[in-house]
Amino acid sequence: MWKQFFILVAISVSFVTNTAWANETLTRDFAQPINIDADHEFFDLRNNIVRVEGHVVITQGSLIIHAESLVIEGFGSDVSDAERLVATGSPATYQQEVDVGVTVNASANIITYDAFNRILILSGNAELLQSGNFLKASDITYDLENQTITAERGEQSGQRVRTSLQPREQSEEKKGNN
């Protein structure tokens, strides 16, 4: 139990950046309009749903999502401009600068982006890369606001969560003391 706790803490510290800087960078992105380019778009204005298909590209500040199809739920609602984006692909990809010079790259069969709560959910063959650190699992949830990550293995036998953490560079002062 404690071993799992310490591994989770190590993963979180390695993936997560300075929260104050990250929140400032993300807040700037979330204040930008969401732009969508695709081959085909369908708007259901009564139900606040948008369906987009074919070479979908979504941008919002530094956020870039590529997908084969996209459903936006809550577009134009009173709660927010776009509460939830669900992108599917083989795979769908996500990229966003979460801190100055720190970019998160992710891919999965389904990417759910909760814009209101600032949560990214990667489902099916999920991969996350940040600052050379790599996480692969069946499902990954990344709370961008709180800078927390959880990963789950799949139900099939032999599936596991895999992580590769890069060593931290030692400062010159610490190198001299060793």
N, C-alpha and C. Protein backbone atom coordinates (compact mmCIF):
# COMPACT_ATOMS: atom_id res chain seq x y z
N MET A 1 0.82 -1.19 0.00
CA MET A 1 0.00 0.00 0.00
C MET A 1 0.86 1.25 0.00
N TRP A 2 1.84 1.34 0.94
CA TRP A 2 2.70 2.52 1.01
C TRP A 2 3.56 2.64 -0.23
N LYS A 3 3.99 1.49 -0.76
CA LYS A 3 4.80 1.51 -1.97
C LYS A 3 4.02 2.14 -3.12
N GLN A 4 2.75 1.76 -3.27
CA GLN A 4 1.92 2.34 -4.32
C GLN A 4 1.73 3.84 -4.11
N PHE A 5 1.58 4.25 -2.84
CA PHE A 5 1.42 5.66 -2.53
C PHE A 5 2.67 6.45 -2.95
N PHE A 6 3.85 5.94 -2.59
CA PHE A 6 5.08 6.64 -2.93
C PHE A 6 5.32 6.68 -4.43
N ILE A 7 4.95 5.61 -5.14
CA ILE A 7 5.07 5.60 -6.60
C ILE A 7 4.16 6.65 -7.20
N LEU A 8 2.92 6.75 -6.71
CA LEU A 8 1.99 7.75 -7.20
C LEU A 8 2.52 9.16 -6.94
N VAL A 9 3.09 9.40 -5.76
CA VAL A 9 3.66 10.71 -5.45
C VAL A 9 4.82 11.01 -6.40
N ALA A 10 5.70 10.04 -6.65
CA ALA A 10 6.83 10.25 -7.55
C ALA A 10 6.36 10.58 -8.96
N ILE A 11 5.33 9.86 -9.42
CA ILE A 11 4.80 10.12 -10.76
C ILE A 11 4.21 11.52 -10.81
N SER A 12 3.44 11.89 -9.81
CA SER A 12 2.81 13.20 -9.79
C SER A 12 3.85 14.31 -9.78
N VAL A 13 4.89 14.18 -8.96
CA VAL A 13 5.92 15.21 -8.89
C VAL A 13 6.67 15.30 -10.21
N SER A 14 6.92 14.18 -10.86
CA SER A 14 7.66 14.19 -12.11
C SER A 14 6.86 14.77 -13.26
N PHE A 15 5.56 14.51 -13.30
CA PHE A 15 4.74 15.01 -14.39
C PHE A 15 4.25 16.43 -14.16
N VAL A 16 3.98 16.77 -12.92
CA VAL A 16 3.34 18.04 -12.62
C VAL A 16 4.39 19.15 -12.53
N THR A 17 4.02 20.31 -13.05
CA THR A 17 4.91 21.46 -13.02
C THR A 17 4.53 22.37 -11.89
N ASN A 18 5.22 23.48 -11.74
CA ASN A 18 4.91 24.49 -10.74
C ASN A 18 3.47 24.91 -10.92
N THR A 19 2.61 24.65 -9.93
CA THR A 19 1.17 24.87 -10.06
C THR A 19 0.83 26.33 -10.32
N ALA A 20 1.49 27.27 -9.68
CA ALA A 20 1.18 28.69 -9.90
C ALA A 20 1.41 29.08 -11.35
N TRP A 21 2.56 28.68 -11.91
CA TRP A 21 2.84 28.98 -13.32
C TRP A 21 1.88 28.25 -14.23
N ALA A 22 1.64 26.98 -13.93
CA ALA A 22 0.76 26.18 -14.78
C ALA A 22 -0.64 26.76 -14.80
N ASN A 23 -1.15 27.14 -13.64
CA ASN A 23 -2.49 27.71 -13.60
C ASN A 23 -2.57 28.99 -14.40
N GLU A 24 -1.52 29.83 -14.35
CA GLU A 24 -1.50 31.07 -15.12
C GLU A 24 -1.51 30.77 -16.63
N THR A 25 -0.70 29.83 -17.05
CA THR A 25 -0.64 29.46 -18.46
C THR A 25 -1.96 28.87 -18.92
N LEU A 26 -2.53 27.96 -18.14
CA LEU A 26 -3.80 27.34 -18.50
C LEU A 26 -4.95 28.34 -18.48
N THR A 27 -4.96 29.24 -17.50
CA THR A 27 -6.01 30.25 -17.43
C THR A 27 -6.00 31.11 -18.68
N ARG A 28 -4.82 31.45 -19.17
CA ARG A 28 -4.69 32.22 -20.41
C ARG A 28 -5.29 31.45 -21.58
N ASP A 29 -5.02 30.15 -21.67
CA ASP A 29 -5.59 29.32 -22.74
C ASP A 29 -7.11 29.25 -22.63
N PHE A 30 -7.62 29.00 -21.42
CA PHE A 30 -9.05 28.82 -21.23
C PHE A 30 -9.83 30.10 -21.49
N ALA A 31 -9.16 31.25 -21.47
CA ALA A 31 -9.83 32.52 -21.75
C ALA A 31 -9.95 32.77 -23.26
N GLN A 32 -9.29 31.93 -24.08
CA GLN A 32 -9.31 32.08 -25.53
C GLN A 32 -10.53 31.36 -26.12
N PRO A 33 -10.96 31.77 -27.30
CA PRO A 33 -12.07 31.06 -27.94
C PRO A 33 -11.63 29.67 -28.40
N ILE A 34 -12.60 28.75 -28.47
CA ILE A 34 -12.35 27.41 -29.02
C ILE A 34 -12.62 27.48 -30.52
N ASN A 35 -11.63 27.12 -31.33
CA ASN A 35 -11.75 27.13 -32.79
C ASN A 35 -11.76 25.70 -33.30
N ILE A 36 -12.65 25.41 -34.25
CA ILE A 36 -12.79 24.06 -34.79
C ILE A 36 -12.74 24.10 -36.31
N ASP A 37 -11.90 23.27 -36.90
CA ASP A 37 -11.84 23.08 -38.35
C ASP A 37 -12.12 21.62 -38.63
N ALA A 38 -12.96 21.34 -39.65
CA ALA A 38 -13.31 19.96 -39.98
C ALA A 38 -13.90 19.90 -41.38
N ASP A 39 -14.12 18.68 -41.86
CA ASP A 39 -14.75 18.48 -43.16
C ASP A 39 -16.26 18.70 -43.11
N HIS A 40 -16.87 18.35 -41.95
CA HIS A 40 -18.33 18.43 -41.84
C HIS A 40 -18.70 18.81 -40.40
N GLU A 41 -19.68 19.72 -40.25
CA GLU A 41 -20.16 20.10 -38.92
C GLU A 41 -21.69 20.08 -38.91
N PHE A 42 -22.26 19.64 -37.77
CA PHE A 42 -23.70 19.62 -37.57
C PHE A 42 -24.00 20.26 -36.23
N PHE A 43 -24.87 21.27 -36.20
CA PHE A 43 -25.22 21.97 -34.98
C PHE A 43 -26.67 21.64 -34.60
N ASP A 44 -26.86 21.16 -33.37
CA ASP A 44 -28.19 20.96 -32.81
C ASP A 44 -28.36 22.06 -31.76
N LEU A 45 -28.85 23.22 -32.20
CA LEU A 45 -28.92 24.38 -31.34
C LEU A 45 -29.88 24.21 -30.19
N ARG A 46 -30.94 23.48 -30.39
CA ARG A 46 -31.92 23.26 -29.33
C ARG A 46 -31.32 22.48 -28.17
N ASN A 47 -30.51 21.49 -28.47
CA ASN A 47 -29.91 20.64 -27.43
C ASN A 47 -28.47 21.00 -27.09
N ASN A 48 -27.95 22.08 -27.68
CA ASN A 48 -26.58 22.54 -27.42
C ASN A 48 -25.53 21.45 -27.69
N ILE A 49 -25.67 20.80 -28.85
CA ILE A 49 -24.72 19.75 -29.24
C ILE A 49 -24.16 20.09 -30.62
N VAL A 50 -22.86 19.89 -30.78
CA VAL A 50 -22.21 20.05 -32.08
C VAL A 50 -21.53 18.73 -32.40
N ARG A 51 -21.72 18.24 -33.63
CA ARG A 51 -21.03 17.03 -34.11
C ARG A 51 -20.15 17.45 -35.28
N VAL A 52 -18.89 17.05 -35.23
CA VAL A 52 -17.91 17.43 -36.23
C VAL A 52 -17.21 16.17 -36.70
N GLU A 53 -16.97 16.06 -38.02
CA GLU A 53 -16.32 14.86 -38.55
C GLU A 53 -15.32 15.22 -39.62
N GLY A 54 -14.31 14.39 -39.76
CA GLY A 54 -13.33 14.48 -40.83
C GLY A 54 -12.22 15.47 -40.58
N HIS A 55 -11.04 14.97 -40.30
CA HIS A 55 -9.84 15.79 -40.13
C HIS A 55 -10.09 16.95 -39.16
N VAL A 56 -10.57 16.63 -37.98
CA VAL A 56 -10.95 17.63 -36.99
C VAL A 56 -9.71 18.20 -36.31
N VAL A 57 -9.64 19.52 -36.23
CA VAL A 57 -8.58 20.21 -35.51
C VAL A 57 -9.24 21.24 -34.59
N ILE A 58 -8.98 21.12 -33.29
CA ILE A 58 -9.52 22.03 -32.30
C ILE A 58 -8.35 22.81 -31.70
N THR A 59 -8.48 24.13 -31.60
CA THR A 59 -7.45 24.94 -30.96
C THR A 59 -8.09 25.87 -29.95
N GLN A 60 -7.36 26.13 -28.88
CA GLN A 60 -7.76 27.10 -27.86
C GLN A 60 -6.47 27.55 -27.18
N GLY A 61 -5.95 28.72 -27.55
CA GLY A 61 -4.65 29.13 -27.04
C GLY A 61 -3.60 28.14 -27.51
N SER A 62 -2.84 27.57 -26.56
CA SER A 62 -1.82 26.58 -26.94
C SER A 62 -2.39 25.17 -27.10
N LEU A 63 -3.67 24.97 -26.77
CA LEU A 63 -4.31 23.66 -26.89
C LEU A 63 -4.55 23.31 -28.36
N ILE A 64 -4.16 22.10 -28.74
CA ILE A 64 -4.43 21.58 -30.09
C ILE A 64 -4.88 20.14 -29.95
N ILE A 65 -6.08 19.82 -30.49
CA ILE A 65 -6.58 18.45 -30.51
C ILE A 65 -6.83 18.06 -31.96
N HIS A 66 -6.32 16.89 -32.36
CA HIS A 66 -6.59 16.33 -33.68
C HIS A 66 -7.43 15.07 -33.49
N ALA A 67 -8.47 14.91 -34.32
CA ALA A 67 -9.35 13.75 -34.17
C ALA A 67 -10.03 13.45 -35.49
N GLU A 68 -10.64 12.26 -35.56
CA GLU A 68 -11.46 11.89 -36.72
C GLU A 68 -12.87 12.44 -36.56
N SER A 69 -13.37 12.47 -35.30
CA SER A 69 -14.69 13.03 -35.05
C SER A 69 -14.70 13.69 -33.67
N LEU A 70 -15.69 14.56 -33.49
CA LEU A 70 -15.79 15.33 -32.26
C LEU A 70 -17.25 15.59 -31.95
N VAL A 71 -17.61 15.46 -30.67
CA VAL A 71 -18.94 15.86 -30.19
C VAL A 71 -18.70 16.87 -29.09
N ILE A 72 -19.37 18.03 -29.20
CA ILE A 72 -19.29 19.04 -28.16
C ILE A 72 -20.65 19.09 -27.49
N GLU A 73 -20.65 18.88 -26.17
CA GLU A 73 -21.89 18.91 -25.40
C GLU A 73 -21.88 20.16 -24.54
N GLY A 74 -22.99 20.89 -24.53
CA GLY A 74 -23.09 22.08 -23.70
C GLY A 74 -22.69 23.35 -24.41
N PHE A 75 -22.48 23.28 -25.71
CA PHE A 75 -22.11 24.47 -26.47
C PHE A 75 -23.23 25.50 -26.38
N GLY A 76 -22.89 26.69 -25.92
CA GLY A 76 -23.89 27.75 -25.83
C GLY A 76 -24.78 27.65 -24.61
N SER A 77 -24.46 26.77 -23.67
CA SER A 77 -25.28 26.66 -22.47
C SER A 77 -24.94 27.80 -21.52
N ASP A 78 -25.75 27.96 -20.49
CA ASP A 78 -25.52 29.03 -19.52
C ASP A 78 -24.31 28.74 -18.63
N VAL A 79 -23.91 27.48 -18.52
CA VAL A 79 -22.82 27.12 -17.62
C VAL A 79 -21.47 27.55 -18.19
N SER A 80 -21.24 27.30 -19.45
CA SER A 80 -19.99 27.69 -20.10
C SER A 80 -20.19 27.62 -21.60
N ASP A 81 -19.20 28.11 -22.36
CA ASP A 81 -19.30 28.08 -23.81
C ASP A 81 -19.26 26.66 -24.36
N ALA A 82 -18.44 25.81 -23.79
CA ALA A 82 -18.35 24.41 -24.22
C ALA A 82 -17.97 23.59 -23.01
N GLU A 83 -18.90 22.87 -22.46
CA GLU A 83 -18.62 22.12 -21.25
C GLU A 83 -17.75 20.90 -21.50
N ARG A 84 -18.03 20.18 -22.59
CA ARG A 84 -17.35 18.90 -22.78
C ARG A 84 -17.13 18.63 -24.26
N LEU A 85 -15.89 18.31 -24.61
CA LEU A 85 -15.54 17.92 -25.96
C LEU A 85 -15.11 16.45 -25.93
N VAL A 86 -15.67 15.63 -26.80
CA VAL A 86 -15.30 14.22 -26.87
C VAL A 86 -14.76 13.96 -28.27
N ALA A 87 -13.44 13.75 -28.36
CA ALA A 87 -12.76 13.53 -29.63
C ALA A 87 -12.41 12.06 -29.76
N THR A 88 -12.66 11.48 -30.93
CA THR A 88 -12.30 10.08 -31.18
C THR A 88 -11.39 10.01 -32.39
N GLY A 89 -10.52 9.01 -32.37
CA GLY A 89 -9.59 8.83 -33.47
C GLY A 89 -8.81 7.55 -33.31
N SER A 90 -7.88 7.36 -34.22
CA SER A 90 -7.06 6.15 -34.20
C SER A 90 -5.58 6.49 -34.23
N PRO A 91 -5.05 7.19 -33.30
CA PRO A 91 -5.71 7.77 -32.13
C PRO A 91 -6.04 9.25 -32.34
N ALA A 92 -6.79 9.81 -31.39
CA ALA A 92 -6.95 11.26 -31.29
C ALA A 92 -5.74 11.77 -30.51
N THR A 93 -5.31 13.00 -30.78
CA THR A 93 -4.14 13.54 -30.08
C THR A 93 -4.47 14.87 -29.42
N TYR A 94 -3.72 15.16 -28.37
CA TYR A 94 -3.89 16.38 -27.58
C TYR A 94 -2.52 16.96 -27.31
N GLN A 95 -2.41 18.28 -27.38
CA GLN A 95 -1.16 18.96 -27.06
C GLN A 95 -1.52 20.28 -26.39
N GLN A 96 -0.81 20.62 -25.30
CA GLN A 96 -1.05 21.90 -24.64
C GLN A 96 0.16 22.28 -23.80
N GLU A 97 0.49 23.57 -23.84
CA GLU A 97 1.55 24.09 -22.98
C GLU A 97 0.94 24.34 -21.61
N VAL A 98 1.46 23.63 -20.59
CA VAL A 98 0.92 23.77 -19.24
C VAL A 98 1.77 24.67 -18.37
N ASP A 99 2.93 25.01 -18.85
CA ASP A 99 3.84 25.92 -18.16
C ASP A 99 4.75 26.49 -19.22
N VAL A 100 5.45 27.55 -18.91
CA VAL A 100 6.35 28.14 -19.89
C VAL A 100 7.38 27.09 -20.32
N GLY A 101 7.36 26.72 -21.59
CA GLY A 101 8.30 25.74 -22.12
C GLY A 101 7.98 24.29 -21.79
N VAL A 102 6.86 24.01 -21.14
CA VAL A 102 6.49 22.64 -20.78
C VAL A 102 5.19 22.29 -21.50
N THR A 103 5.29 21.33 -22.42
CA THR A 103 4.14 20.93 -23.22
C THR A 103 3.75 19.50 -22.89
N VAL A 104 2.45 19.28 -22.74
CA VAL A 104 1.91 17.94 -22.56
C VAL A 104 1.45 17.44 -23.92
N ASN A 105 1.85 16.24 -24.29
CA ASN A 105 1.39 15.57 -25.50
C ASN A 105 0.69 14.29 -25.06
N ALA A 106 -0.49 14.04 -25.62
CA ALA A 106 -1.25 12.85 -25.24
C ALA A 106 -1.96 12.28 -26.45
N SER A 107 -2.29 10.99 -26.37
CA SER A 107 -3.08 10.35 -27.42
C SER A 107 -3.91 9.24 -26.79
N ALA A 108 -5.05 8.97 -27.43
CA ALA A 108 -5.94 7.89 -26.98
C ALA A 108 -7.00 7.67 -28.04
N ASN A 109 -7.72 6.57 -27.93
CA ASN A 109 -8.83 6.32 -28.84
C ASN A 109 -9.95 7.34 -28.63
N ILE A 110 -10.17 7.71 -27.36
CA ILE A 110 -11.17 8.72 -27.02
C ILE A 110 -10.54 9.72 -26.07
N ILE A 111 -10.62 11.00 -26.42
CA ILE A 111 -10.14 12.06 -25.54
C ILE A 111 -11.35 12.90 -25.14
N THR A 112 -11.62 12.94 -23.85
CA THR A 112 -12.71 13.76 -23.33
C THR A 112 -12.08 14.94 -22.61
N TYR A 113 -12.45 16.13 -23.05
CA TYR A 113 -11.90 17.36 -22.51
C TYR A 113 -13.03 18.13 -21.86
N ASP A 114 -13.06 18.15 -20.53
CA ASP A 114 -14.07 18.89 -19.77
C ASP A 114 -13.54 20.30 -19.58
N ALA A 115 -13.96 21.22 -20.44
CA ALA A 115 -13.44 22.59 -20.42
C ALA A 115 -13.86 23.33 -19.16
N PHE A 116 -15.04 23.06 -18.66
CA PHE A 116 -15.53 23.76 -17.47
C PHE A 116 -14.72 23.37 -16.24
N ASN A 117 -14.48 22.05 -16.05
CA ASN A 117 -13.73 21.57 -14.88
C ASN A 117 -12.24 21.41 -15.16
N ARG A 118 -11.82 21.61 -16.39
CA ARG A 118 -10.41 21.52 -16.81
C ARG A 118 -9.83 20.14 -16.52
N ILE A 119 -10.54 19.13 -17.00
CA ILE A 119 -10.10 17.75 -16.82
C ILE A 119 -9.98 17.08 -18.19
N LEU A 120 -8.87 16.39 -18.39
CA LEU A 120 -8.60 15.66 -19.61
C LEU A 120 -8.67 14.17 -19.30
N ILE A 121 -9.53 13.43 -20.02
CA ILE A 121 -9.66 11.99 -19.81
C ILE A 121 -9.25 11.30 -21.10
N LEU A 122 -8.27 10.43 -21.01
CA LEU A 122 -7.77 9.65 -22.15
C LEU A 122 -8.24 8.22 -21.96
N SER A 123 -9.00 7.69 -22.93
CA SER A 123 -9.57 6.36 -22.81
C SER A 123 -9.16 5.48 -23.98
N GLY A 124 -8.64 4.30 -23.68
CA GLY A 124 -8.25 3.34 -24.71
C GLY A 124 -6.90 3.66 -25.30
N ASN A 125 -5.91 2.85 -25.02
CA ASN A 125 -4.54 3.04 -25.52
C ASN A 125 -4.02 4.43 -25.21
N ALA A 126 -4.19 4.85 -23.97
CA ALA A 126 -3.83 6.20 -23.54
C ALA A 126 -2.33 6.34 -23.33
N GLU A 127 -1.79 7.46 -23.82
CA GLU A 127 -0.38 7.78 -23.62
C GLU A 127 -0.26 9.25 -23.27
N LEU A 128 0.66 9.57 -22.35
CA LEU A 128 0.90 10.93 -21.92
C LEU A 128 2.40 11.16 -21.86
N LEU A 129 2.87 12.24 -22.47
CA LEU A 129 4.30 12.58 -22.48
C LEU A 129 4.44 14.02 -22.03
N GLN A 130 5.29 14.24 -21.02
CA GLN A 130 5.57 15.58 -20.53
C GLN A 130 6.99 15.62 -20.00
N SER A 131 7.77 16.57 -20.48
CA SER A 131 9.15 16.77 -20.01
C SER A 131 9.98 15.48 -20.05
N GLY A 132 9.78 14.68 -21.08
CA GLY A 132 10.53 13.44 -21.23
C GLY A 132 9.97 12.29 -20.43
N ASN A 133 9.02 12.54 -19.53
CA ASN A 133 8.37 11.49 -18.75
C ASN A 133 7.21 10.92 -19.56
N PHE A 134 7.03 9.62 -19.46
CA PHE A 134 6.06 8.92 -20.30
C PHE A 134 5.16 8.06 -19.43
N LEU A 135 3.86 8.10 -19.72
CA LEU A 135 2.88 7.28 -19.01
C LEU A 135 1.98 6.63 -20.03
N LYS A 136 1.81 5.30 -19.93
CA LYS A 136 0.95 4.56 -20.84
C LYS A 136 0.03 3.69 -20.01
N ALA A 137 -1.28 3.74 -20.33
CA ALA A 137 -2.27 2.96 -19.59
C ALA A 137 -3.50 2.81 -20.47
N SER A 138 -4.44 2.02 -20.00
CA SER A 138 -5.71 1.92 -20.70
C SER A 138 -6.45 3.25 -20.60
N ASP A 139 -6.46 3.83 -19.39
CA ASP A 139 -7.15 5.10 -19.15
C ASP A 139 -6.30 6.01 -18.28
N ILE A 140 -6.26 7.28 -18.63
CA ILE A 140 -5.52 8.28 -17.86
C ILE A 140 -6.44 9.48 -17.65
N THR A 141 -6.49 9.98 -16.43
CA THR A 141 -7.24 11.20 -16.12
C THR A 141 -6.25 12.24 -15.62
N TYR A 142 -6.26 13.42 -16.25
CA TYR A 142 -5.34 14.49 -15.92
C TYR A 142 -6.17 15.71 -15.53
N ASP A 143 -6.14 16.06 -14.25
CA ASP A 143 -6.83 17.25 -13.74
C ASP A 143 -5.87 18.42 -13.95
N LEU A 144 -6.12 19.20 -14.99
CA LEU A 144 -5.22 20.29 -15.35
C LEU A 144 -5.20 21.39 -14.31
N GLU A 145 -6.31 21.66 -13.68
CA GLU A 145 -6.40 22.72 -12.68
C GLU A 145 -5.58 22.36 -11.44
N ASN A 146 -5.75 21.14 -10.93
CA ASN A 146 -5.07 20.71 -9.72
C ASN A 146 -3.75 20.01 -9.99
N GLN A 147 -3.44 19.78 -11.29
CA GLN A 147 -2.20 19.13 -11.70
C GLN A 147 -2.02 17.77 -11.05
N THR A 148 -3.07 16.92 -11.17
CA THR A 148 -3.00 15.55 -10.68
C THR A 148 -3.30 14.59 -11.83
N ILE A 149 -2.69 13.41 -11.77
CA ILE A 149 -2.83 12.41 -12.82
C ILE A 149 -3.15 11.06 -12.17
N THR A 150 -4.13 10.35 -12.73
CA THR A 150 -4.37 8.97 -12.33
C THR A 150 -4.37 8.12 -13.58
N ALA A 151 -3.91 6.88 -13.44
CA ALA A 151 -3.84 5.96 -14.57
C ALA A 151 -4.35 4.60 -14.14
N GLU A 152 -5.09 3.95 -15.06
CA GLU A 152 -5.68 2.64 -14.77
C GLU A 152 -5.28 1.65 -15.87
N ARG A 153 -5.04 0.41 -15.47
CA ARG A 153 -4.77 -0.64 -16.44
C ARG A 153 -6.07 -1.10 -17.06
N GLY A 154 -5.97 -1.78 -18.17
CA GLY A 154 -7.14 -2.33 -18.83
C GLY A 154 -7.59 -3.62 -18.18
N GLU A 155 -8.73 -4.14 -18.63
CA GLU A 155 -9.30 -5.36 -18.06
C GLU A 155 -8.67 -6.63 -18.63
N GLN A 156 -8.01 -6.53 -19.77
CA GLN A 156 -7.41 -7.72 -20.38
C GLN A 156 -6.20 -8.19 -19.58
N SER A 157 -6.00 -9.48 -19.58
CA SER A 157 -4.88 -10.07 -18.86
C SER A 157 -3.56 -9.51 -19.38
N GLY A 158 -2.69 -9.17 -18.47
CA GLY A 158 -1.37 -8.70 -18.83
C GLY A 158 -1.27 -7.19 -19.03
N GLN A 159 -2.38 -6.50 -19.08
CA GLN A 159 -2.31 -5.04 -19.23
C GLN A 159 -1.86 -4.42 -17.92
N ARG A 160 -0.97 -3.44 -18.05
CA ARG A 160 -0.42 -2.77 -16.88
C ARG A 160 -0.29 -1.28 -17.18
N VAL A 161 -0.08 -0.50 -16.15
CA VAL A 161 0.26 0.90 -16.30
C VAL A 161 1.77 0.97 -16.39
N ARG A 162 2.29 1.67 -17.40
CA ARG A 162 3.74 1.77 -17.59
C ARG A 162 4.17 3.23 -17.53
N THR A 163 5.24 3.46 -16.78
CA THR A 163 5.75 4.81 -16.60
C THR A 163 7.25 4.83 -16.81
N SER A 164 7.73 5.87 -17.44
CA SER A 164 9.16 6.10 -17.59
C SER A 164 9.44 7.52 -17.12
N LEU A 165 10.23 7.62 -16.05
CA LEU A 165 10.56 8.92 -15.46
C LEU A 165 12.01 9.27 -15.75
N GLN A 166 12.23 10.47 -16.20
CA GLN A 166 13.58 10.93 -16.50
C GLN A 166 14.24 11.40 -15.20
N PRO A 167 15.54 11.13 -15.04
CA PRO A 167 16.22 11.61 -13.82
C PRO A 167 16.29 13.14 -13.85
N ARG A 168 16.22 13.72 -12.68
CA ARG A 168 16.34 15.17 -12.57
C ARG A 168 17.82 15.54 -12.68
N GLU A 169 18.07 16.66 -13.32
CA GLU A 169 19.45 17.13 -13.41
C GLU A 169 19.85 17.71 -12.07
N GLN A 170 21.06 17.35 -11.62
CA GLN A 170 21.56 17.90 -10.37
C GLN A 170 22.12 19.28 -10.62
N SER A 171 21.97 20.15 -9.63
CA SER A 171 22.56 21.48 -9.75
C SER A 171 24.07 21.35 -9.66
N GLU A 172 24.79 22.37 -10.13
CA GLU A 172 26.26 22.35 -10.10
C GLU A 172 26.77 22.25 -8.66
N GLU A 173 26.08 22.88 -7.71
CA GLU A 173 26.49 22.85 -6.32
C GLU A 173 26.41 21.43 -5.76
N LYS A 174 25.33 20.70 -6.06
CA LYS A 174 25.20 19.32 -5.59
C LYS A 174 26.21 18.41 -6.25
N LYS A 175 26.52 18.65 -7.55
CA LYS A 175 27.49 17.82 -8.25
C LYS A 175 28.87 17.94 -7.59
N GLY A 176 29.22 19.13 -7.16
CA GLY A 176 30.52 19.38 -6.53
C GLY A 176 30.64 18.72 -5.18
N ASN A 177 29.53 18.53 -4.49
CA ASN A 177 29.55 17.91 -3.16
C ASN A 177 29.61 16.41 -3.20
N ASN A 178 29.38 15.79 -4.35
CA ASN A 178 29.38 14.32 -4.44
C ASN A 178 30.71 13.77 -4.72
